[in-house]
Amino acid sequence: MKVDFGEAVKPTGIGLWYRQVLPPLMILALTCVPLDIGTALFWLVAMLAAFVSALSPLARLSYNVFDRRGWIYLLPPPRSVLTIVFLALAFGAVHFSYLDAARFARNAATDIQRQCDRQRRCPDSVPGWQTGPGPEKTTFAGSWARYWVEYRVADDHRTFVVHLHRNIDDGTRYSGGVGKQVTIESDLD
């Protein structure tokens, strides 16, 4: 029994857009969603789609190896290629967004450290940051995906922590204080 996979590359015009481009284009929505325990299902669906797309040329080869259409027929359909490319773009966007948020948190910690040394006490708040649910001040950072950054100062105003949350149990802490250097530590250490 021969399976014909050629139907996937025949539509043109608006049919090509709906069947070949639109489904992989939905993966680009993940560029605004950090990879987290709460969003893992969305990422898992996209990774599964990319995995199936990567197997598409192998399926064509196994079913139609002696087909008279030749080797050009073994090229993957545009949807498969676009799915893999858009998933790679989404991963890249989220990664670079986290790097941007880490740069923001490091610069904020350095600025707060300078204020601590200059005033001999760490500031209560950071201009432009919101008051969090507790004593911390919070903001969001990142270029596409947004990451939660919080600032906490000790009761004696001698030390502080800027915490960049990557996901529910992972992040980076930038600690400092009066007469100290800014130290960086991961939550997973």
N, C-alpha and C. Protein backbone atom coordinates (compact mmCIF):
# COMPACT_ATOMS: atom_id res chain seq x y z
N MET A 1 0.85 -1.18 0.00
CA MET A 1 0.00 0.00 0.00
C MET A 1 0.88 1.23 0.00
N LYS A 2 0.61 2.12 -0.93
CA LYS A 2 1.39 3.32 -1.06
C LYS A 2 0.66 4.50 -0.43
N VAL A 3 1.35 5.26 0.37
CA VAL A 3 0.77 6.46 0.97
C VAL A 3 1.31 7.65 0.22
N ASP A 4 0.42 8.54 -0.19
CA ASP A 4 0.82 9.71 -0.95
C ASP A 4 0.90 10.92 -0.03
N PHE A 5 2.13 11.37 0.21
CA PHE A 5 2.34 12.55 1.03
C PHE A 5 2.42 13.82 0.17
N GLY A 6 2.26 13.68 -1.12
CA GLY A 6 2.41 14.81 -2.03
C GLY A 6 1.29 15.83 -1.91
N GLU A 7 0.17 15.46 -1.34
CA GLU A 7 -0.97 16.35 -1.21
C GLU A 7 -0.63 17.58 -0.37
N ALA A 8 0.31 17.44 0.56
CA ALA A 8 0.63 18.53 1.49
C ALA A 8 1.33 19.68 0.80
N VAL A 9 1.91 19.47 -0.39
CA VAL A 9 2.64 20.55 -1.04
C VAL A 9 1.90 21.13 -2.25
N LYS A 10 0.67 20.65 -2.53
CA LYS A 10 -0.04 21.10 -3.72
C LYS A 10 -0.77 22.42 -3.58
N PRO A 11 -1.30 22.81 -2.41
CA PRO A 11 -2.09 24.05 -2.39
C PRO A 11 -1.25 25.28 -2.72
N THR A 12 -1.90 26.24 -3.34
CA THR A 12 -1.23 27.50 -3.65
C THR A 12 -2.12 28.64 -3.16
N GLY A 13 -1.56 29.82 -3.15
CA GLY A 13 -2.33 30.99 -2.74
C GLY A 13 -2.77 30.94 -1.30
N ILE A 14 -4.05 31.22 -1.07
CA ILE A 14 -4.59 31.27 0.28
C ILE A 14 -4.59 29.88 0.93
N GLY A 15 -4.75 28.82 0.13
CA GLY A 15 -4.70 27.45 0.66
C GLY A 15 -3.32 27.13 1.22
N LEU A 16 -2.29 27.61 0.55
CA LEU A 16 -0.94 27.41 1.05
C LEU A 16 -0.77 28.10 2.40
N TRP A 17 -1.30 29.30 2.50
CA TRP A 17 -1.20 30.06 3.74
C TRP A 17 -1.89 29.32 4.89
N TYR A 18 -3.12 28.89 4.67
CA TYR A 18 -3.89 28.23 5.73
C TYR A 18 -3.31 26.89 6.14
N ARG A 19 -2.87 26.10 5.19
CA ARG A 19 -2.45 24.74 5.49
C ARG A 19 -0.97 24.61 5.82
N GLN A 20 -0.14 25.48 5.26
CA GLN A 20 1.30 25.30 5.42
C GLN A 20 1.95 26.33 6.36
N VAL A 21 1.49 27.54 6.36
CA VAL A 21 2.17 28.61 7.10
C VAL A 21 1.49 28.92 8.44
N LEU A 22 0.17 28.96 8.46
CA LEU A 22 -0.54 29.37 9.67
C LEU A 22 -0.31 28.44 10.88
N PRO A 23 -0.39 27.10 10.74
CA PRO A 23 -0.15 26.27 11.93
C PRO A 23 1.23 26.47 12.57
N PRO A 24 2.33 26.48 11.80
CA PRO A 24 3.62 26.72 12.46
C PRO A 24 3.76 28.14 13.01
N LEU A 25 3.06 29.08 12.39
CA LEU A 25 3.13 30.47 12.84
C LEU A 25 2.63 30.62 14.27
N MET A 26 1.73 29.74 14.69
CA MET A 26 1.20 29.80 16.06
C MET A 26 2.30 29.52 17.09
N ILE A 27 3.34 28.82 16.70
CA ILE A 27 4.45 28.53 17.62
C ILE A 27 5.16 29.82 18.03
N LEU A 28 5.15 30.83 17.16
CA LEU A 28 5.82 32.08 17.49
C LEU A 28 5.20 32.79 18.69
N ALA A 29 3.98 32.42 19.06
CA ALA A 29 3.37 33.01 20.26
C ALA A 29 4.17 32.62 21.50
N LEU A 30 4.93 31.54 21.43
CA LEU A 30 5.73 31.12 22.59
C LEU A 30 6.91 32.05 22.87
N THR A 31 7.21 32.96 21.95
CA THR A 31 8.31 33.90 22.21
C THR A 31 8.00 34.81 23.39
N CYS A 32 6.72 34.95 23.75
CA CYS A 32 6.32 35.79 24.87
C CYS A 32 6.03 34.97 26.13
N VAL A 33 6.30 33.67 26.09
CA VAL A 33 5.97 32.79 27.20
C VAL A 33 7.26 32.18 27.75
N PRO A 34 7.69 32.55 28.96
CA PRO A 34 8.89 31.92 29.51
C PRO A 34 8.67 30.42 29.72
N LEU A 35 9.72 29.65 29.52
CA LEU A 35 9.64 28.21 29.75
C LEU A 35 9.60 27.97 31.25
N ASP A 36 8.45 27.52 31.75
CA ASP A 36 8.18 27.41 33.17
C ASP A 36 7.34 26.17 33.41
N ILE A 37 7.18 25.80 34.65
CA ILE A 37 6.37 24.63 34.98
C ILE A 37 4.92 24.85 34.56
N GLY A 38 4.44 26.06 34.64
CA GLY A 38 3.07 26.36 34.27
C GLY A 38 2.85 26.43 32.78
N THR A 39 3.88 26.69 32.02
CA THR A 39 3.75 26.81 30.56
C THR A 39 4.37 25.63 29.83
N ALA A 40 4.81 24.63 30.57
CA ALA A 40 5.50 23.49 29.96
C ALA A 40 4.61 22.75 28.97
N LEU A 41 3.31 22.71 29.21
CA LEU A 41 2.42 22.00 28.30
C LEU A 41 2.42 22.66 26.91
N PHE A 42 2.41 23.98 26.86
CA PHE A 42 2.46 24.67 25.57
C PHE A 42 3.75 24.35 24.83
N TRP A 43 4.86 24.41 25.56
CA TRP A 43 6.16 24.11 24.96
C TRP A 43 6.24 22.65 24.54
N LEU A 44 5.65 21.76 25.32
CA LEU A 44 5.67 20.34 24.99
C LEU A 44 4.91 20.06 23.69
N VAL A 45 3.78 20.70 23.50
CA VAL A 45 3.02 20.54 22.26
C VAL A 45 3.84 21.03 21.07
N ALA A 46 4.51 22.16 21.23
CA ALA A 46 5.33 22.69 20.14
C ALA A 46 6.52 21.77 19.85
N MET A 47 7.14 21.22 20.89
CA MET A 47 8.26 20.30 20.68
C MET A 47 7.80 19.01 20.02
N LEU A 48 6.62 18.54 20.39
CA LEU A 48 6.07 17.34 19.76
C LEU A 48 5.79 17.60 18.28
N ALA A 49 5.25 18.76 17.96
CA ALA A 49 5.00 19.11 16.56
C ALA A 49 6.31 19.17 15.77
N ALA A 50 7.36 19.72 16.37
CA ALA A 50 8.66 19.78 15.70
C ALA A 50 9.25 18.38 15.53
N PHE A 51 9.05 17.52 16.51
CA PHE A 51 9.56 16.15 16.41
C PHE A 51 8.87 15.41 15.27
N VAL A 52 7.55 15.53 15.19
CA VAL A 52 6.80 14.88 14.11
C VAL A 52 7.22 15.48 12.77
N SER A 53 7.45 16.79 12.74
CA SER A 53 7.88 17.44 11.50
C SER A 53 9.26 16.95 11.06
N ALA A 54 10.12 16.67 12.02
CA ALA A 54 11.45 16.17 11.68
C ALA A 54 11.38 14.75 11.13
N LEU A 55 10.37 13.99 11.53
CA LEU A 55 10.21 12.62 11.03
C LEU A 55 9.52 12.56 9.67
N SER A 56 8.95 13.65 9.22
CA SER A 56 8.21 13.67 7.95
C SER A 56 9.03 13.18 6.76
N PRO A 57 10.26 13.65 6.56
CA PRO A 57 11.04 13.14 5.41
C PRO A 57 11.34 11.64 5.55
N LEU A 58 11.53 11.16 6.76
CA LEU A 58 11.79 9.73 6.94
C LEU A 58 10.55 8.91 6.59
N ALA A 59 9.38 9.41 6.93
CA ALA A 59 8.15 8.70 6.58
C ALA A 59 7.97 8.67 5.07
N ARG A 60 8.26 9.77 4.42
CA ARG A 60 8.17 9.81 2.96
C ARG A 60 9.14 8.82 2.34
N LEU A 61 10.33 8.75 2.87
CA LEU A 61 11.34 7.84 2.34
C LEU A 61 10.92 6.39 2.52
N SER A 62 10.41 6.05 3.68
CA SER A 62 10.08 4.66 3.94
C SER A 62 8.88 4.18 3.13
N TYR A 63 7.92 5.05 2.82
CA TYR A 63 6.74 4.64 2.08
C TYR A 63 6.93 4.72 0.56
N ASN A 64 7.75 5.61 0.10
CA ASN A 64 7.85 5.84 -1.34
C ASN A 64 9.29 5.82 -1.83
N VAL A 65 10.07 4.87 -1.38
CA VAL A 65 11.48 4.86 -1.71
C VAL A 65 11.72 4.62 -3.20
N PHE A 66 10.85 3.90 -3.85
CA PHE A 66 11.03 3.62 -5.27
C PHE A 66 10.04 4.39 -6.13
N ASP A 67 9.56 5.49 -5.62
CA ASP A 67 8.59 6.29 -6.35
C ASP A 67 9.26 6.93 -7.57
N ARG A 68 8.50 7.10 -8.63
CA ARG A 68 9.06 7.64 -9.87
C ARG A 68 9.25 9.16 -9.81
N ARG A 69 8.78 9.83 -8.77
CA ARG A 69 8.89 11.28 -8.69
C ARG A 69 10.30 11.74 -8.34
N GLY A 70 11.15 10.86 -7.88
CA GLY A 70 12.55 11.20 -7.64
C GLY A 70 12.81 11.76 -6.26
N TRP A 71 14.05 12.17 -6.06
CA TRP A 71 14.51 12.61 -4.73
C TRP A 71 13.91 13.93 -4.30
N ILE A 72 13.51 14.77 -5.23
CA ILE A 72 12.94 16.05 -4.85
C ILE A 72 11.66 15.85 -4.03
N TYR A 73 11.01 14.73 -4.24
CA TYR A 73 9.80 14.42 -3.50
C TYR A 73 10.10 14.18 -2.02
N LEU A 74 11.33 13.85 -1.69
CA LEU A 74 11.70 13.58 -0.30
C LEU A 74 11.93 14.84 0.51
N LEU A 75 11.97 15.99 -0.15
CA LEU A 75 12.12 17.23 0.61
C LEU A 75 10.90 17.42 1.50
N PRO A 76 11.12 17.90 2.72
CA PRO A 76 9.98 18.06 3.64
C PRO A 76 9.06 19.17 3.16
N PRO A 77 7.77 19.06 3.48
CA PRO A 77 6.85 20.13 3.11
C PRO A 77 7.17 21.40 3.89
N PRO A 78 6.73 22.54 3.38
CA PRO A 78 7.04 23.81 4.06
C PRO A 78 6.60 23.84 5.52
N ARG A 79 5.48 23.21 5.84
CA ARG A 79 4.99 23.24 7.20
C ARG A 79 5.99 22.59 8.16
N SER A 80 6.61 21.50 7.74
CA SER A 80 7.59 20.83 8.60
C SER A 80 8.80 21.72 8.85
N VAL A 81 9.30 22.31 7.79
CA VAL A 81 10.47 23.18 7.93
C VAL A 81 10.13 24.39 8.79
N LEU A 82 8.98 25.02 8.53
CA LEU A 82 8.59 26.20 9.29
C LEU A 82 8.35 25.88 10.76
N THR A 83 7.81 24.71 11.05
CA THR A 83 7.58 24.32 12.45
C THR A 83 8.91 24.25 13.20
N ILE A 84 9.89 23.61 12.60
CA ILE A 84 11.20 23.48 13.26
C ILE A 84 11.88 24.84 13.37
N VAL A 85 11.83 25.64 12.31
CA VAL A 85 12.47 26.96 12.33
C VAL A 85 11.80 27.87 13.36
N PHE A 86 10.47 27.89 13.40
CA PHE A 86 9.77 28.76 14.35
C PHE A 86 9.99 28.32 15.79
N LEU A 87 10.08 27.01 16.03
CA LEU A 87 10.38 26.55 17.39
C LEU A 87 11.79 26.98 17.81
N ALA A 88 12.73 26.87 16.89
CA ALA A 88 14.09 27.34 17.20
C ALA A 88 14.11 28.84 17.46
N LEU A 89 13.35 29.59 16.68
CA LEU A 89 13.25 31.04 16.93
C LEU A 89 12.62 31.34 18.28
N ALA A 90 11.60 30.58 18.66
CA ALA A 90 10.94 30.80 19.95
C ALA A 90 11.90 30.50 21.10
N PHE A 91 12.64 29.39 21.00
CA PHE A 91 13.63 29.08 22.03
C PHE A 91 14.70 30.16 22.11
N GLY A 92 15.17 30.62 20.95
CA GLY A 92 16.17 31.68 20.94
C GLY A 92 15.65 32.97 21.55
N ALA A 93 14.42 33.33 21.22
CA ALA A 93 13.83 34.56 21.76
C ALA A 93 13.71 34.49 23.27
N VAL A 94 13.26 33.34 23.79
CA VAL A 94 13.11 33.20 25.24
C VAL A 94 14.47 33.22 25.92
N HIS A 95 15.46 32.57 25.31
CA HIS A 95 16.81 32.56 25.89
C HIS A 95 17.40 33.97 25.92
N PHE A 96 17.32 34.68 24.80
CA PHE A 96 17.88 36.03 24.77
C PHE A 96 17.08 37.00 25.64
N SER A 97 15.81 36.74 25.80
CA SER A 97 15.00 37.56 26.69
C SER A 97 15.45 37.37 28.14
N TYR A 98 15.77 36.12 28.51
CA TYR A 98 16.27 35.88 29.87
C TYR A 98 17.64 36.54 30.05
N LEU A 99 18.49 36.48 29.04
CA LEU A 99 19.79 37.15 29.14
C LEU A 99 19.62 38.66 29.33
N ASP A 100 18.64 39.23 28.64
CA ASP A 100 18.34 40.65 28.80
C ASP A 100 17.85 40.95 30.21
N ALA A 101 16.99 40.07 30.75
CA ALA A 101 16.50 40.25 32.12
C ALA A 101 17.65 40.10 33.13
N ALA A 102 18.57 39.17 32.88
CA ALA A 102 19.72 39.00 33.77
C ALA A 102 20.63 40.23 33.75
N ARG A 103 20.80 40.81 32.58
CA ARG A 103 21.59 42.03 32.47
C ARG A 103 20.92 43.17 33.24
N PHE A 104 19.60 43.27 33.12
CA PHE A 104 18.84 44.28 33.86
C PHE A 104 19.01 44.08 35.37
N ALA A 105 18.86 42.84 35.85
CA ALA A 105 18.97 42.56 37.29
C ALA A 105 20.39 42.84 37.79
N ARG A 106 21.40 42.47 37.01
CA ARG A 106 22.79 42.72 37.41
C ARG A 106 23.07 44.21 37.48
N ASN A 107 22.57 44.98 36.50
CA ASN A 107 22.76 46.43 36.52
C ASN A 107 22.02 47.07 37.69
N ALA A 108 20.81 46.57 37.97
CA ALA A 108 20.05 47.10 39.11
C ALA A 108 20.80 46.81 40.41
N ALA A 109 21.35 45.61 40.56
CA ALA A 109 22.10 45.27 41.77
C ALA A 109 23.35 46.14 41.90
N THR A 110 24.01 46.39 40.80
CA THR A 110 25.20 47.25 40.83
C THR A 110 24.83 48.68 41.23
N ASP A 111 23.75 49.20 40.69
CA ASP A 111 23.30 50.55 41.05
C ASP A 111 22.90 50.63 42.52
N ILE A 112 22.18 49.62 42.99
CA ILE A 112 21.78 49.59 44.41
C ILE A 112 23.02 49.49 45.30
N GLN A 113 24.01 48.71 44.87
CA GLN A 113 25.25 48.58 45.64
C GLN A 113 25.95 49.93 45.77
N ARG A 114 25.98 50.68 44.69
CA ARG A 114 26.59 52.02 44.75
C ARG A 114 25.84 52.93 45.74
N GLN A 115 24.51 52.85 45.72
CA GLN A 115 23.72 53.65 46.66
C GLN A 115 23.99 53.22 48.10
N CYS A 116 24.12 51.91 48.33
CA CYS A 116 24.40 51.41 49.68
C CYS A 116 25.73 51.95 50.18
N ASP A 117 26.74 51.94 49.32
CA ASP A 117 28.07 52.42 49.73
C ASP A 117 28.09 53.93 49.92
N ARG A 118 27.37 54.64 49.06
CA ARG A 118 27.37 56.10 49.14
C ARG A 118 26.59 56.59 50.36
N GLN A 119 25.44 55.98 50.64
CA GLN A 119 24.58 56.44 51.73
C GLN A 119 24.82 55.69 53.03
N ARG A 120 25.67 54.64 52.99
CA ARG A 120 25.96 53.78 54.15
C ARG A 120 24.70 53.06 54.64
N ARG A 121 23.73 52.94 53.77
CA ARG A 121 22.50 52.20 54.06
C ARG A 121 21.83 51.91 52.72
N CYS A 122 21.23 50.73 52.62
CA CYS A 122 20.58 50.33 51.36
C CYS A 122 19.21 50.99 51.26
N PRO A 123 18.81 51.38 50.04
CA PRO A 123 17.54 52.09 49.89
C PRO A 123 16.33 51.19 50.17
N ASP A 124 15.24 51.83 50.60
CA ASP A 124 13.99 51.10 50.85
C ASP A 124 13.36 50.59 49.57
N SER A 125 13.45 51.38 48.52
CA SER A 125 12.80 51.01 47.26
C SER A 125 13.67 51.43 46.08
N VAL A 126 13.29 50.94 44.92
CA VAL A 126 13.97 51.28 43.68
C VAL A 126 12.99 52.08 42.83
N PRO A 127 13.39 53.24 42.32
CA PRO A 127 12.47 54.05 41.52
C PRO A 127 11.94 53.27 40.32
N GLY A 128 10.62 53.33 40.14
CA GLY A 128 9.99 52.67 39.01
C GLY A 128 9.53 51.24 39.29
N TRP A 129 9.89 50.69 40.44
CA TRP A 129 9.47 49.33 40.78
C TRP A 129 8.21 49.40 41.62
N GLN A 130 7.37 48.38 41.50
CA GLN A 130 6.12 48.32 42.23
C GLN A 130 6.31 47.66 43.59
N THR A 131 5.41 47.95 44.52
CA THR A 131 5.42 47.26 45.81
C THR A 131 4.82 45.89 45.61
N GLY A 132 5.53 44.86 46.07
CA GLY A 132 5.08 43.48 45.90
C GLY A 132 4.06 43.08 46.95
N PRO A 133 3.73 41.79 46.99
CA PRO A 133 2.75 41.33 47.98
C PRO A 133 3.27 41.42 49.42
N GLY A 134 4.56 41.46 49.58
CA GLY A 134 5.17 41.58 50.91
C GLY A 134 6.01 42.84 50.96
N PRO A 135 7.14 42.79 51.64
CA PRO A 135 8.00 43.97 51.73
C PRO A 135 8.84 44.22 50.48
N GLU A 136 8.85 43.27 49.55
CA GLU A 136 9.71 43.41 48.38
C GLU A 136 9.14 44.38 47.36
N LYS A 137 10.02 44.88 46.52
CA LYS A 137 9.65 45.72 45.38
C LYS A 137 9.88 44.88 44.14
N THR A 138 8.95 44.95 43.19
CA THR A 138 9.03 44.07 42.03
C THR A 138 8.92 44.84 40.73
N THR A 139 9.44 44.21 39.67
CA THR A 139 9.29 44.70 38.31
C THR A 139 9.44 43.50 37.38
N PHE A 140 9.25 43.73 36.11
CA PHE A 140 9.45 42.70 35.12
C PHE A 140 10.52 43.15 34.15
N ALA A 141 11.31 42.21 33.67
CA ALA A 141 12.39 42.53 32.75
C ALA A 141 12.46 41.45 31.68
N GLY A 142 13.05 41.80 30.57
CA GLY A 142 13.18 40.89 29.44
C GLY A 142 12.64 41.56 28.19
N SER A 143 13.14 41.14 27.05
CA SER A 143 12.73 41.81 25.83
C SER A 143 11.44 41.25 25.25
N TRP A 144 11.31 39.93 25.10
CA TRP A 144 10.07 39.33 24.59
C TRP A 144 9.29 38.70 25.73
N ALA A 145 9.85 37.66 26.30
CA ALA A 145 9.25 37.05 27.48
C ALA A 145 9.63 37.91 28.68
N ARG A 146 8.74 38.05 29.62
CA ARG A 146 8.98 38.92 30.77
C ARG A 146 9.25 38.06 32.00
N TYR A 147 10.28 38.43 32.75
CA TYR A 147 10.68 37.69 33.95
C TYR A 147 10.52 38.60 35.16
N TRP A 148 10.09 38.00 36.25
CA TRP A 148 9.83 38.72 37.49
C TRP A 148 11.14 38.97 38.22
N VAL A 149 11.38 40.23 38.61
CA VAL A 149 12.57 40.63 39.36
C VAL A 149 12.08 41.28 40.65
N GLU A 150 12.66 40.86 41.78
CA GLU A 150 12.25 41.46 43.05
C GLU A 150 13.47 41.97 43.82
N TYR A 151 13.24 43.00 44.60
CA TYR A 151 14.28 43.62 45.43
C TYR A 151 13.84 43.53 46.88
N ARG A 152 14.71 42.99 47.72
CA ARG A 152 14.46 42.93 49.16
C ARG A 152 15.64 43.54 49.89
N VAL A 153 15.31 44.32 50.91
CA VAL A 153 16.35 44.90 51.75
C VAL A 153 16.16 44.34 53.16
N ALA A 154 17.27 44.09 53.84
CA ALA A 154 17.20 43.56 55.20
C ALA A 154 16.63 44.63 56.15
N ASP A 155 16.15 44.19 57.30
CA ASP A 155 15.55 45.11 58.27
C ASP A 155 16.54 46.17 58.74
N ASP A 156 17.82 45.82 58.81
CA ASP A 156 18.82 46.79 59.27
C ASP A 156 19.35 47.68 58.13
N HIS A 157 18.85 47.47 56.90
CA HIS A 157 19.24 48.24 55.72
C HIS A 157 20.73 48.14 55.43
N ARG A 158 21.36 47.03 55.79
CA ARG A 158 22.79 46.84 55.54
C ARG A 158 23.04 45.89 54.36
N THR A 159 22.06 45.04 54.02
CA THR A 159 22.21 44.09 52.91
C THR A 159 20.94 44.10 52.06
N PHE A 160 21.09 43.62 50.84
CA PHE A 160 19.94 43.54 49.92
C PHE A 160 20.10 42.32 49.02
N VAL A 161 18.99 41.96 48.38
CA VAL A 161 18.98 40.89 47.39
C VAL A 161 18.09 41.32 46.22
N VAL A 162 18.61 41.19 45.01
CA VAL A 162 17.82 41.33 43.79
C VAL A 162 17.68 39.92 43.24
N HIS A 163 16.45 39.45 43.16
CA HIS A 163 16.19 38.08 42.75
C HIS A 163 15.49 38.07 41.39
N LEU A 164 16.12 37.46 40.40
CA LEU A 164 15.54 37.28 39.08
C LEU A 164 14.95 35.88 39.02
N HIS A 165 13.64 35.79 38.86
CA HIS A 165 12.95 34.49 38.82
C HIS A 165 12.88 34.00 37.38
N ARG A 166 13.51 32.86 37.13
CA ARG A 166 13.43 32.26 35.79
C ARG A 166 12.14 31.45 35.67
N ASN A 167 11.86 30.66 36.65
CA ASN A 167 10.60 29.93 36.73
C ASN A 167 10.28 29.68 38.19
N ILE A 168 9.43 28.74 38.46
CA ILE A 168 8.91 28.58 39.82
C ILE A 168 9.99 28.23 40.85
N ASP A 169 11.02 27.50 40.45
CA ASP A 169 12.04 27.09 41.42
C ASP A 169 13.46 27.38 40.95
N ASP A 170 13.61 28.23 39.98
CA ASP A 170 14.93 28.54 39.45
C ASP A 170 15.05 30.04 39.26
N GLY A 171 16.22 30.53 39.47
CA GLY A 171 16.47 31.96 39.29
C GLY A 171 17.89 32.30 39.67
N THR A 172 18.17 33.57 39.74
CA THR A 172 19.49 34.07 40.08
C THR A 172 19.34 35.16 41.12
N ARG A 173 20.18 35.08 42.16
CA ARG A 173 20.18 36.09 43.22
C ARG A 173 21.45 36.93 43.14
N TYR A 174 21.24 38.22 43.19
CA TYR A 174 22.34 39.20 43.22
C TYR A 174 22.30 39.83 44.60
N SER A 175 23.28 39.52 45.43
CA SER A 175 23.30 39.99 46.82
C SER A 175 24.42 41.01 47.00
N GLY A 176 24.19 41.95 47.89
CA GLY A 176 25.19 42.96 48.20
C GLY A 176 24.81 43.67 49.48
N GLY A 177 25.52 44.73 49.76
CA GLY A 177 25.25 45.50 50.96
C GLY A 177 26.33 46.53 51.20
N VAL A 178 26.24 47.17 52.35
CA VAL A 178 27.19 48.22 52.71
C VAL A 178 28.57 47.60 52.87
N GLY A 179 29.53 48.08 52.10
CA GLY A 179 30.91 47.60 52.18
C GLY A 179 31.12 46.21 51.60
N LYS A 180 30.18 45.70 50.83
CA LYS A 180 30.31 44.36 50.23
C LYS A 180 30.37 44.48 48.72
N GLN A 181 30.76 43.40 48.09
CA GLN A 181 30.71 43.29 46.64
C GLN A 181 29.42 42.56 46.25
N VAL A 182 28.91 42.80 45.08
CA VAL A 182 27.74 42.08 44.59
C VAL A 182 28.15 40.65 44.27
N THR A 183 27.44 39.69 44.87
CA THR A 183 27.68 38.28 44.59
C THR A 183 26.48 37.72 43.83
N ILE A 184 26.78 36.77 42.96
CA ILE A 184 25.74 36.15 42.13
C ILE A 184 25.69 34.68 42.44
N GLU A 185 24.47 34.19 42.71
CA GLU A 185 24.31 32.76 42.97
C GLU A 185 23.00 32.28 42.35
N SER A 186 23.03 31.04 41.89
CA SER A 186 21.85 30.44 41.28
C SER A 186 21.02 29.75 42.36
N ASP A 187 19.71 29.71 42.16
CA ASP A 187 18.84 29.02 43.11
C ASP A 187 19.06 27.51 43.09
N LEU A 188 19.62 27.00 42.02
CA LEU A 188 19.81 25.55 41.91
C LEU A 188 21.11 25.06 42.53
N ASP A 189 21.98 25.98 42.95
CA ASP A 189 23.25 25.57 43.58
C ASP A 189 23.03 25.04 44.97
